[in-house]
Protein backbone atom coordinates (compact mmCIF):
# COMPACT_ATOMS: atom_id res chain seq x y z
CA UNK A 1 167.47 215.17 -164.68
CA UNK A 2 170.60 214.25 -162.75
CA UNK A 3 172.77 211.44 -164.13
CA UNK A 4 175.08 209.38 -161.95
CA UNK A 5 178.43 208.39 -163.40
CA UNK A 6 181.07 205.81 -162.67
CA UNK A 7 184.67 206.25 -163.73
CA UNK A 8 187.55 203.98 -164.52
CA UNK A 9 191.07 205.18 -165.10
CA UNK A 10 192.83 203.38 -167.91
CA UNK A 11 196.44 204.49 -168.53
CA UNK A 12 195.67 207.90 -167.05
CA UNK A 13 192.54 208.47 -169.17
CA UNK A 14 189.16 208.59 -167.43
CA UNK A 15 186.44 206.52 -169.05
CA UNK A 16 182.96 207.58 -167.95
CA UNK A 17 179.59 205.94 -168.42
CA UNK A 18 176.12 206.16 -166.95
CA UNK A 19 175.33 203.91 -164.00
CA UNK A 20 172.89 201.28 -165.33
CA UNK A 21 169.24 201.96 -164.54
CA UNK A 22 165.96 200.15 -165.14
CA UNK A 23 165.66 201.35 -168.74
CA UNK A 24 169.19 200.13 -169.43
CA UNK A 25 168.42 196.73 -167.88
CA UNK A 26 165.41 196.40 -170.18
CA UNK A 27 167.43 197.50 -173.24
CA UNK A 28 170.09 194.87 -172.45
CA UNK A 29 167.41 192.22 -171.91
CA UNK A 30 165.74 193.02 -175.23
CA UNK A 31 169.10 192.83 -177.05
CA UNK A 32 169.90 189.48 -175.44
CA UNK A 33 166.55 187.87 -176.25
CA UNK A 34 166.74 189.20 -179.81
CA UNK A 35 170.20 187.62 -180.19
CA UNK A 36 168.72 184.16 -179.46
CA UNK A 37 165.31 184.10 -181.19
CA UNK A 38 162.53 182.56 -179.11
CA UNK A 39 164.57 182.75 -175.90
CA UNK A 40 163.63 183.92 -172.41
CA UNK A 41 165.92 185.87 -170.10
CA UNK A 42 166.75 184.04 -166.86
CA UNK A 43 169.66 186.11 -165.44
CA UNK A 44 171.02 189.62 -165.89
CA UNK A 45 173.84 191.08 -163.79
CA UNK A 46 176.08 194.14 -164.01
CA UNK A 47 179.78 193.38 -164.47
CA UNK A 48 183.03 195.30 -164.77
CA UNK A 49 181.90 198.17 -162.57
CA UNK A 50 178.67 198.63 -164.51
CA UNK A 51 180.32 198.72 -167.96
CA UNK A 52 178.30 195.77 -169.17
CA UNK A 53 175.53 193.33 -168.36
CA UNK A 54 176.21 189.59 -168.26
CA UNK A 55 173.01 187.97 -169.52
CA UNK A 56 171.81 184.39 -169.70
CA UNK A 57 168.81 183.40 -171.81
CA UNK A 58 167.22 179.99 -172.34
CA UNK A 59 165.86 178.78 -175.67
CA UNK A 60 162.76 176.60 -176.15
CA UNK A 61 164.84 173.42 -175.70
CA UNK A 62 166.10 174.61 -172.31
CA UNK A 63 169.62 175.37 -173.53
CA UNK A 64 171.26 178.32 -171.78
CA UNK A 65 173.08 180.95 -173.84
CA UNK A 66 175.37 183.55 -172.25
CA UNK A 67 176.42 186.94 -173.58
CA UNK A 68 177.71 190.34 -172.52
CA UNK A 69 175.74 193.46 -173.44
CA UNK A 70 177.27 196.94 -173.25
CA UNK A 71 175.65 199.33 -170.79
CA UNK A 72 174.04 202.34 -172.41
CA UNK A 73 173.99 201.01 -175.97
CA UNK A 74 172.37 197.59 -175.69
CA UNK A 75 174.99 196.28 -178.13
CA UNK A 76 176.13 192.67 -177.75
CA UNK A 77 179.82 192.79 -176.76
CA UNK A 78 180.42 189.03 -176.76
CA UNK A 79 178.38 185.90 -177.40
CA UNK A 80 175.85 184.52 -177.40
CA UNK A 81 177.53 181.26 -176.44
CA UNK A 82 175.48 178.13 -175.79
CA UNK A 83 176.39 176.25 -172.61
CA UNK A 84 176.95 172.53 -172.78
CA UNK A 85 174.38 171.12 -170.38
CA UNK A 86 172.83 167.73 -169.80
CA UNK A 87 169.11 166.99 -170.07
CA UNK A 88 168.61 167.44 -166.30
CA UNK A 89 169.92 171.04 -166.51
CA UNK A 90 167.76 171.81 -169.54
CA UNK A 91 164.71 170.31 -167.78
CA UNK A 92 165.39 172.50 -164.71
CA UNK A 93 165.43 175.60 -166.93
CA UNK A 94 162.19 174.58 -168.66
CA UNK A 95 160.53 173.90 -165.27
CA UNK A 96 161.45 177.33 -163.92
CA UNK A 97 160.22 179.01 -167.08
CA UNK A 98 156.89 177.19 -166.79
CA UNK A 99 156.55 178.41 -163.19
CA UNK A 100 157.14 182.04 -164.13
CA UNK A 101 154.18 184.13 -165.25
CA UNK A 102 156.25 187.30 -164.79
CA UNK A 103 159.08 187.92 -167.22
CA UNK A 104 162.25 189.78 -166.24
CA UNK A 105 160.85 193.21 -167.17
CA UNK A 106 157.70 192.71 -165.07
CA UNK A 107 159.82 191.43 -162.17
CA UNK A 108 162.08 194.50 -162.49
CA UNK A 109 159.01 196.76 -162.25
CA UNK A 110 157.94 195.01 -159.02
CA UNK A 111 161.43 195.39 -157.56
CA UNK A 112 161.69 199.05 -158.56
CA UNK A 113 158.31 199.72 -156.94
CA UNK A 114 159.43 198.05 -153.71
CA UNK A 115 162.74 199.97 -153.43
CA UNK A 116 162.20 203.64 -154.22
CA UNK A 117 165.13 205.03 -156.19
CA UNK A 118 166.65 201.56 -156.36
CA UNK A 119 169.03 200.38 -159.07
CA UNK A 120 168.93 196.67 -159.92
CA UNK A 121 172.39 195.14 -160.18
CA UNK A 122 171.26 191.52 -160.56
CA UNK A 123 168.02 189.72 -161.44
CA UNK A 124 167.91 185.92 -161.52
CA UNK A 125 165.14 183.35 -162.01
CA UNK A 126 165.51 180.74 -159.27
CA UNK A 127 163.64 178.53 -156.81
CA UNK A 128 162.90 179.56 -153.20
CA UNK A 129 160.97 177.36 -150.76
CA UNK A 130 159.55 175.32 -153.64
CA UNK A 131 158.34 178.33 -155.65
CA UNK A 132 159.82 179.97 -158.75
CA UNK A 133 161.06 183.46 -157.87
CA UNK A 134 162.98 186.34 -159.35
CA UNK A 135 165.88 187.12 -156.98
CA UNK A 136 167.08 190.70 -157.20
CA UNK A 137 170.01 192.64 -155.79
CA UNK A 138 169.16 196.34 -155.61
CA UNK A 139 171.10 199.36 -154.38
CA UNK A 140 168.98 202.24 -153.10
CA UNK A 141 169.84 205.95 -153.30
CA UNK A 142 171.61 205.82 -149.90
CA UNK A 143 173.86 202.96 -151.08
CA UNK A 144 172.11 200.26 -149.04
CA UNK A 145 171.93 196.88 -150.77
CA UNK A 146 168.57 195.09 -150.76
CA UNK A 147 168.03 191.46 -151.66
CA UNK A 148 164.46 190.81 -152.78
CA UNK A 149 162.59 187.76 -154.00
CA UNK A 150 159.53 188.22 -156.19
CA UNK A 151 157.13 185.31 -156.62
CA UNK A 152 157.34 184.73 -160.38
CA UNK A 153 153.76 183.42 -160.48
CA UNK A 154 151.89 185.95 -158.32
CA UNK A 155 154.18 188.98 -158.52
CA UNK A 156 154.35 189.47 -154.76
CA UNK A 157 157.50 190.27 -152.78
CA UNK A 158 158.18 187.16 -150.66
CA UNK A 159 161.49 188.25 -149.13
CA UNK A 160 163.20 191.61 -148.60
CA UNK A 161 166.45 191.96 -146.69
CA UNK A 162 168.84 194.87 -146.37
CA UNK A 163 172.61 194.52 -146.29
CA UNK A 164 174.87 197.40 -145.26
């Protein structure tokens, strides 16, 4: 099995780590939801050149909690920190969660099936044309960026665009 690597030079010393893949996204998601019991993941995005995942989860009250999870280990690097939001924001989170039959892991599977060899760099629960969707940014093996939307109720791809 071939592993891809990214490198960062810090004071002349190379720091290497595996480029995040689908298994790593799921590991980070599991760590984040375990850090806030009873929560549901709504956003996960690679940060700092793939060194960590920035993750947002929502608890049963609709409160958003943010944290950073280290790539490769699934260890929480910072957080979770609850955001100060008003009732309208919490209601919006609860509404989106009610409209989503697919969780983040199921959405990631749909995205990975649609883009062969693709690596998800961002997955976000949102609204598109009145429907709850998982929006995904994916980079395929040739380096082309794809932006997909997966209907969070039916699991179908409703939008797929390529950006060079």
